[in-house]
């Protein structure tokens, strides 16, 4: 057995990567990660399960709202 275990990617790694690309130049990767995490926990709380497609939709909405607020402040 290997002493060095590879890190298992989260089920939301692809979601994060897609949203990082979509919001590049708008939000930092940290902001995207936080939105994905918040969407994950929110979906779990409401539905009991957080399917990656649901998490992606919720996180995208959060990111759009954050971008809108930032543009109104600027």
PDB file of N, CA and C in Angstrom:
ATOM      1  N   UNK A   1       0.834  -1.172   0.000  1.00  0.00           N
ATOM      2  CA  UNK A   1       0.000   0.000   0.000  1.00  0.00           C
ATOM      3  C   UNK A   1       0.884   1.242   0.000  1.00  0.00           C
ATOM      4  N   UNK A   2       0.516   2.219  -0.789  1.00  0.00           N
ATOM      5  CA  UNK A   2       1.307   3.427  -0.928  1.00  0.00           C
ATOM      6  C   UNK A   2       1.149   4.321   0.300  1.00  0.00           C
ATOM      7  N   UNK A   3       2.261   4.908   0.733  1.00  0.00           N
ATOM      8  CA  UNK A   3       2.206   5.836   1.859  1.00  0.00           C
ATOM      9  C   UNK A   3       1.683   7.199   1.423  1.00  0.00           C
ATOM     10  N   UNK A   4       1.810   7.503   0.144  1.00  0.00           N
ATOM     11  CA  UNK A   4       1.375   8.796  -0.377  1.00  0.00           C
ATOM     12  C   UNK A   4       0.020   8.616  -1.057  1.00  0.00           C
ATOM     13  N   UNK A   5      -1.026   9.087  -0.403  1.00  0.00           N
ATOM     14  CA  UNK A   5      -2.368   8.981  -0.968  1.00  0.00           C
ATOM     15  C   UNK A   5      -2.662  10.220  -1.792  1.00  0.00           C
ATOM     16  N   UNK A   6      -3.277   9.998  -2.946  1.00  0.00           N
ATOM     17  CA  UNK A   6      -3.653  11.123  -3.804  1.00  0.00           C
ATOM     18  C   UNK A   6      -4.922  11.764  -3.254  1.00  0.00           C
ATOM     19  N   UNK A   7      -4.992  13.061  -3.373  1.00  0.00           N
ATOM     20  CA  UNK A   7      -6.186  13.781  -2.924  1.00  0.00           C
ATOM     21  C   UNK A   7      -7.330  13.485  -3.882  1.00  0.00           C
ATOM     22  N   UNK A   8      -8.468  13.153  -3.318  1.00  0.00           N
ATOM     23  CA  UNK A   8      -9.652  12.885  -4.123  1.00  0.00           C
ATOM     24  C   UNK A   8     -10.323  14.208  -4.434  1.00  0.00           C
ATOM     25  N   UNK A   9     -10.567  14.483  -5.716  1.00  0.00           N
ATOM     26  CA  UNK A   9     -11.225  15.745  -6.046  1.00  0.00           C
ATOM     27  C   UNK A   9     -12.657  15.752  -5.510  1.00  0.00           C
ATOM     28  N   UNK A  10     -13.118  16.911  -5.103  1.00  0.00           N
ATOM     29  CA  UNK A  10     -14.487  17.015  -4.612  1.00  0.00           C
ATOM     30  C   UNK A  10     -15.444  16.856  -5.786  1.00  0.00           C
ATOM     31  N   UNK A  11     -16.684  16.488  -5.501  1.00  0.00           N
ATOM     32  CA  UNK A  11     -17.646  16.369  -6.603  1.00  0.00           C
ATOM     33  C   UNK A  11     -17.933  17.714  -7.259  1.00  0.00           C
ATOM     34  N   UNK A  12     -17.476  18.791  -6.613  1.00  0.00           N
ATOM     35  CA  UNK A  12     -17.741  20.124  -7.137  1.00  0.00           C
ATOM     36  C   UNK A  12     -16.518  20.757  -7.796  1.00  0.00           C
ATOM     37  N   UNK A  13     -15.447  20.002  -7.958  1.00  0.00           N
ATOM     38  CA  UNK A  13     -14.231  20.537  -8.588  1.00  0.00           C
ATOM     39  C   UNK A  13     -14.519  21.025 -10.010  1.00  0.00           C
ATOM     40  N   UNK A  14     -15.303  20.265 -10.752  1.00  0.00           N
ATOM     41  CA  UNK A  14     -15.640  20.673 -12.124  1.00  0.00           C
ATOM     42  C   UNK A  14     -16.542  21.906 -12.115  1.00  0.00           C
ATOM     43  N   UNK A  15     -17.444  21.964 -11.148  1.00  0.00           N
ATOM     44  CA  UNK A  15     -18.326  23.128 -11.010  1.00  0.00           C
ATOM     45  C   UNK A  15     -17.487  24.366 -10.727  1.00  0.00           C
ATOM     46  N   UNK A  16     -16.573  24.253  -9.771  1.00  0.00           N
ATOM     47  CA  UNK A  16     -15.697  25.383  -9.443  1.00  0.00           C
ATOM     48  C   UNK A  16     -14.885  25.819 -10.649  1.00  0.00           C
ATOM     49  N   UNK A  17     -14.323  24.869 -11.367  1.00  0.00           N
ATOM     50  CA  UNK A  17     -13.492  25.199 -12.537  1.00  0.00           C
ATOM     51  C   UNK A  17     -14.318  25.928 -13.599  1.00  0.00           C
ATOM     52  N   UNK A  18     -15.516  25.440 -13.846  1.00  0.00           N
ATOM     53  CA  UNK A  18     -16.378  26.078 -14.856  1.00  0.00           C
ATOM     54  C   UNK A  18     -16.758  27.495 -14.439  1.00  0.00           C
ATOM     55  N   UNK A  19     -17.103  27.664 -13.161  1.00  0.00           N
ATOM     56  CA  UNK A  19     -17.493  28.998 -12.687  1.00  0.00           C
ATOM     57  C   UNK A  19     -16.303  29.943 -12.601  1.00  0.00           C
ATOM     58  N   UNK A  20     -15.128  29.422 -12.280  1.00  0.00           N
ATOM     59  CA  UNK A  20     -13.918  30.267 -12.281  1.00  0.00           C
ATOM     60  C   UNK A  20     -13.669  30.801 -13.691  1.00  0.00           C
ATOM     61  N   UNK A  21     -13.835  29.936 -14.696  1.00  0.00           N
ATOM     62  CA  UNK A  21     -13.656  30.376 -16.086  1.00  0.00           C
ATOM     63  C   UNK A  21     -14.727  31.392 -16.483  1.00  0.00           C
ATOM     64  N   UNK A  22     -15.968  31.097 -16.119  1.00  0.00           N
ATOM     65  CA  UNK A  22     -17.083  31.968 -16.486  1.00  0.00           C
ATOM     66  C   UNK A  22     -16.974  33.359 -15.855  1.00  0.00           C
ATOM     67  N   UNK A  23     -16.465  33.410 -14.619  1.00  0.00           N
ATOM     68  CA  UNK A  23     -16.394  34.675 -13.893  1.00  0.00           C
ATOM     69  C   UNK A  23     -14.972  35.218 -13.776  1.00  0.00           C
ATOM     70  N   UNK A  24     -14.083  34.736 -14.625  1.00  0.00           N
ATOM     71  CA  UNK A  24     -12.702  35.245 -14.633  1.00  0.00           C
ATOM     72  C   UNK A  24     -12.753  36.745 -14.924  1.00  0.00           C
ATOM     73  N   UNK A  25     -11.989  37.514 -14.174  1.00  0.00           N
ATOM     74  CA  UNK A  25     -11.988  38.953 -14.347  1.00  0.00           C
ATOM     75  C   UNK A  25     -13.108  39.656 -13.607  1.00  0.00           C
ATOM     76  N   UNK A  26     -14.040  38.871 -13.053  1.00  0.00           N
ATOM     77  CA  UNK A  26     -15.144  39.436 -12.281  1.00  0.00           C
ATOM     78  C   UNK A  26     -14.974  39.108 -10.810  1.00  0.00           C
ATOM     79  N   UNK A  27     -14.712  37.822 -10.535  1.00  0.00           N
ATOM     80  CA  UNK A  27     -14.554  37.353  -9.158  1.00  0.00           C
ATOM     81  C   UNK A  27     -13.261  36.562  -9.022  1.00  0.00           C
ATOM     82  N   UNK A  28     -12.668  36.623  -7.846  1.00  0.00           N
ATOM     83  CA  UNK A  28     -11.472  35.824  -7.566  1.00  0.00           C
ATOM     84  C   UNK A  28     -11.859  34.355  -7.426  1.00  0.00           C
ATOM     85  N   UNK A  29     -10.877  33.483  -7.549  1.00  0.00           N
ATOM     86  CA  UNK A  29     -11.144  32.056  -7.386  1.00  0.00           C
ATOM     87  C   UNK A  29     -11.617  31.758  -5.965  1.00  0.00           C
ATOM     88  N   UNK A  30     -11.147  32.540  -4.992  1.00  0.00           N
ATOM     89  CA  UNK A  30     -11.585  32.361  -3.605  1.00  0.00           C
ATOM     90  C   UNK A  30     -13.074  32.658  -3.476  1.00  0.00           C
ATOM     91  N   UNK A  31     -13.542  33.698  -4.129  1.00  0.00           N
ATOM     92  CA  UNK A  31     -14.958  34.047  -4.087  1.00  0.00           C
ATOM     93  C   UNK A  31     -15.793  32.945  -4.722  1.00  0.00           C
ATOM     94  N   UNK A  32     -15.332  32.422  -5.843  1.00  0.00           N
ATOM     95  CA  UNK A  32     -16.044  31.333  -6.516  1.00  0.00           C
ATOM     96  C   UNK A  32     -16.126  30.119  -5.592  1.00  0.00           C
ATOM     97  N   UNK A  33     -15.007  29.762  -4.978  1.00  0.00           N
ATOM     98  CA  UNK A  33     -14.990  28.611  -4.066  1.00  0.00           C
ATOM     99  C   UNK A  33     -15.959  28.819  -2.920  1.00  0.00           C
ATOM    100  N   UNK A  34     -15.963  30.009  -2.343  1.00  0.00           N
ATOM    101  CA  UNK A  34     -16.880  30.291  -1.227  1.00  0.00           C
ATOM    102  C   UNK A  34     -18.337  30.201  -1.659  1.00  0.00           C
ATOM    103  N   UNK A  35     -18.640  30.674  -2.847  1.00  0.00           N
ATOM    104  CA  UNK A  35     -20.016  30.588  -3.340  1.00  0.00           C
ATOM    105  C   UNK A  35     -20.427  29.138  -3.589  1.00  0.00           C
ATOM    106  N   UNK A  36     -19.526  28.342  -4.116  1.00  0.00           N
ATOM    107  CA  UNK A  36     -19.817  26.927  -4.339  1.00  0.00           C
ATOM    108  C   UNK A  36     -20.038  26.229  -2.995  1.00  0.00           C
ATOM    109  N   UNK A  37     -19.194  26.525  -2.027  1.00  0.00           N
ATOM    110  CA  UNK A  37     -19.365  25.928  -0.694  1.00  0.00           C
ATOM    111  C   UNK A  37     -20.690  26.353  -0.061  1.00  0.00           C
ATOM    112  N   UNK A  38     -21.029  27.626  -0.163  1.00  0.00           N
ATOM    113  CA  UNK A  38     -22.291  28.121   0.391  1.00  0.00           C
ATOM    114  C   UNK A  38     -23.479  27.470  -0.313  1.00  0.00           C
ATOM    115  N   UNK A  39     -23.390  27.330  -1.624  1.00  0.00           N
ATOM    116  CA  UNK A  39     -24.459  26.689  -2.387  1.00  0.00           C
ATOM    117  C   UNK A  39     -24.605  25.227  -1.983  1.00  0.00           C
ATOM    118  N   UNK A  40     -23.487  24.562  -1.781  1.00  0.00           N
ATOM    119  CA  UNK A  40     -23.497  23.157  -1.356  1.00  0.00           C
ATOM    120  C   UNK A  40     -24.236  23.008  -0.027  1.00  0.00           C
ATOM    121  N   UNK A  41     -23.840  23.801   0.966  1.00  0.00           N
ATOM    122  CA  UNK A  41     -24.467  23.699   2.272  1.00  0.00           C
ATOM    123  C   UNK A  41     -25.921  24.144   2.245  1.00  0.00           C
ATOM    124  N   UNK A  42     -26.230  25.142   1.468  1.00  0.00           N
ATOM    125  CA  UNK A  42     -27.622  25.586   1.336  1.00  0.00           C
ATOM    126  C   UNK A  42     -28.507  24.514   0.722  1.00  0.00           C
ATOM    127  N   UNK A  43     -28.023  23.871  -0.329  1.00  0.00           N
ATOM    128  CA  UNK A  43     -28.791  22.800  -0.965  1.00  0.00           C
ATOM    129  C   UNK A  43     -28.999  21.638  -0.005  1.00  0.00           C
ATOM    130  N   UNK A  44     -27.953  21.289   0.742  1.00  0.00           N
ATOM    131  CA  UNK A  44     -28.085  20.204   1.729  1.00  0.00           C
ATOM    132  C   UNK A  44     -29.138  20.545   2.776  1.00  0.00           C
ATOM    133  N   UNK A  45     -29.125  21.777   3.226  1.00  0.00           N
ATOM    134  CA  UNK A  45     -30.059  22.203   4.261  1.00  0.00           C
ATOM    135  C   UNK A  45     -31.503  22.161   3.774  1.00  0.00           C
ATOM    136  N   UNK A  46     -31.714  22.559   2.527  1.00  0.00           N
ATOM    137  CA  UNK A  46     -33.073  22.654   2.007  1.00  0.00           C
ATOM    138  C   UNK A  46     -33.582  21.315   1.473  1.00  0.00           C
ATOM    139  N   UNK A  47     -32.748  20.612   0.708  1.00  0.00           N
ATOM    140  CA  UNK A  47     -33.224  19.398   0.036  1.00  0.00           C
ATOM    141  C   UNK A  47     -32.681  18.107   0.638  1.00  0.00           C
ATOM    142  N   UNK A  48     -31.619  18.208   1.429  1.00  0.00           N
ATOM    143  CA  UNK A  48     -31.014  17.006   1.994  1.00  0.00           C
ATOM    144  C   UNK A  48     -29.967  16.388   1.098  1.00  0.00           C
ATOM    145  N   UNK A  49     -29.820  16.907  -0.116  1.00  0.00           N
ATOM    146  CA  UNK A  49     -28.820  16.403  -1.046  1.00  0.00           C
ATOM    147  C   UNK A  49     -28.359  17.557  -1.916  1.00  0.00           C
ATOM    148  N   UNK A  50     -27.096  17.543  -2.289  1.00  0.00           N
ATOM    149  CA  UNK A  50     -26.559  18.657  -3.086  1.00  0.00           C
ATOM    150  C   UNK A  50     -25.965  18.119  -4.383  1.00  0.00           C
ATOM    151  N   UNK A  51     -26.814  17.901  -5.362  1.00  0.00           N
ATOM    152  CA  UNK A  51     -26.346  17.441  -6.671  1.00  0.00           C
ATOM    153  C   UNK A  51     -25.493  18.535  -7.299  1.00  0.00           C
ATOM    154  N   UNK A  52     -24.387  18.177  -7.936  1.00  0.00           N
ATOM    155  CA  UNK A  52     -23.500  19.187  -8.521  1.00  0.00           C
ATOM    156  C   UNK A  52     -24.210  20.188  -9.442  1.00  0.00           C
ATOM    157  N   UNK A  53     -25.198  19.740 -10.214  1.00  0.00           N
ATOM    158  CA  UNK A  53     -25.876  20.689 -11.109  1.00  0.00           C
ATOM    159  C   UNK A  53     -26.685  21.719 -10.317  1.00  0.00           C
ATOM    160  N   UNK A  54     -27.276  21.305  -9.206  1.00  0.00           N
ATOM    161  CA  UNK A  54     -28.009  22.241  -8.356  1.00  0.00           C
ATOM    162  C   UNK A  54     -27.046  23.219  -7.690  1.00  0.00           C
ATOM    163  N   UNK A  55     -25.950  22.709  -7.190  1.00  0.00           N
ATOM    164  CA  UNK A  55     -24.933  23.559  -6.563  1.00  0.00           C
ATOM    165  C   UNK A  55     -24.419  24.577  -7.578  1.00  0.00           C
ATOM    166  N   UNK A  56     -24.194  24.152  -8.801  1.00  0.00           N
ATOM    167  CA  UNK A  56     -23.712  25.070  -9.841  1.00  0.00           C
ATOM    168  C   UNK A  56     -24.724  26.177 -10.108  1.00  0.00           C
ATOM    169  N   UNK A  57     -25.992  25.836 -10.206  1.00  0.00           N
ATOM    170  CA  UNK A  57     -27.017  26.847 -10.480  1.00  0.00           C
ATOM    171  C   UNK A  57     -27.121  27.858  -9.349  1.00  0.00           C
ATOM    172  N   UNK A  58     -27.096  27.366  -8.112  1.00  0.00           N
ATOM    173  CA  UNK A  58     -27.189  28.266  -6.962  1.00  0.00           C
ATOM    174  C   UNK A  58     -25.961  29.171  -6.892  1.00  0.00           C
ATOM    175  N   UNK A  59     -24.779  28.585  -7.044  1.00  0.00           N
ATOM    176  CA  UNK A  59     -23.536  29.362  -6.979  1.00  0.00           C
ATOM    177  C   UNK A  59     -23.487  30.410  -8.089  1.00  0.00           C
ATOM    178  N   UNK A  60     -23.933  30.051  -9.277  1.00  0.00           N
ATOM    179  CA  UNK A  60     -23.944  31.008 -10.394  1.00  0.00           C
ATOM    180  C   UNK A  60     -24.837  32.198 -10.059  1.00  0.00           C
ATOM    181  N   UNK A  61     -25.997  31.934  -9.466  1.00  0.00           N
ATOM    182  CA  UNK A  61     -26.900  33.026  -9.066  1.00  0.00           C
ATOM    183  C   UNK A  61     -26.219  33.930  -8.047  1.00  0.00           C
ATOM    184  N   UNK A  62     -25.566  33.324  -7.049  1.00  0.00           N
ATOM    185  CA  UNK A  62     -24.844  34.120  -6.043  1.00  0.00           C
ATOM    186  C   UNK A  62     -23.793  34.999  -6.710  1.00  0.00           C
ATOM    187  N   UNK A  63     -23.036  34.423  -7.623  1.00  0.00           N
ATOM    188  CA  UNK A  63     -21.965  35.164  -8.287  1.00  0.00           C
ATOM    189  C   UNK A  63     -22.521  36.298  -9.143  1.00  0.00           C
ATOM    190  N   UNK A  64     -23.648  36.076  -9.807  1.00  0.00           N
ATOM    191  CA  UNK A  64     -24.275  37.149 -10.589  1.00  0.00           C
ATOM    192  C   UNK A  64     -24.722  38.290  -9.680  1.00  0.00           C
ATOM    193  N   UNK A  65     -25.320  37.950  -8.552  1.00  0.00           N
ATOM    194  CA  UNK A  65     -25.773  38.979  -7.612  1.00  0.00           C
ATOM    195  C   UNK A  65     -24.589  39.768  -7.067  1.00  0.00           C
ATOM    196  N   UNK A  66     -23.525  39.064  -6.688  1.00  0.00           N
ATOM    197  CA  UNK A  66     -22.329  39.757  -6.196  1.00  0.00           C
ATOM    198  C   UNK A  66     -21.763  40.701  -7.259  1.00  0.00           C
ATOM    199  N   UNK A  67     -21.751  40.264  -8.503  1.00  0.00           N
ATOM    200  CA  UNK A  67     -21.244  41.118  -9.586  1.00  0.00           C
ATOM    201  C   UNK A  67     -22.137  42.340  -9.769  1.00  0.00           C
ATOM    202  N   UNK A  68     -23.443  42.156  -9.665  1.00  0.00           N
ATOM    203  CA  UNK A  68     -24.381  43.264  -9.805  1.00  0.00           C
ATOM    204  C   UNK A  68     -24.182  44.290  -8.692  1.00  0.00           C
ATOM    205  N   UNK A  69     -24.046  43.810  -7.472  1.00  0.00           N
ATOM    206  CA  UNK A  69     -23.829  44.708  -6.327  1.00  0.00           C
ATOM    207  C   UNK A  69     -22.512  45.475  -6.504  1.00  0.00           C
ATOM    208  N   UNK A  70     -21.468  44.768  -6.920  1.00  0.00           N
ATOM    209  CA  UNK A  70     -20.171  45.411  -7.116  1.00  0.00           C
ATOM    210  C   UNK A  70     -20.249  46.491  -8.207  1.00  0.00           C
ATOM    211  N   UNK A  71     -20.999  46.214  -9.272  1.00  0.00           N
ATOM    212  CA  UNK A  71     -21.106  47.207 -10.353  1.00  0.00           C
ATOM    213  C   UNK A  71     -21.907  48.430  -9.918  1.00  0.00           C
ATOM    214  N   UNK A  72     -22.873  48.231  -9.042  1.00  0.00           N
ATOM    215  CA  UNK A  72     -23.682  49.362  -8.553  1.00  0.00           C
ATOM    216  C   UNK A  72     -22.879  50.247  -7.604  1.00  0.00           C
ATOM    217  N   UNK A  73     -21.940  49.649  -6.892  1.00  0.00           N
ATOM    218  CA  UNK A  73     -21.111  50.411  -5.963  1.00  0.00           C
ATOM    219  C   UNK A  73     -20.039  51.212  -6.700  1.00  0.00           C
ATOM    220  N   UNK A  74     -19.621  50.694  -7.855  1.00  0.00           N
ATOM    221  CA  UNK A  74     -18.509  51.311  -8.583  1.00  0.00           C
ATOM    222  C   UNK A  74     -18.892  52.398  -9.454  1.00  0.00           C
TER     223      UNK A  74
END
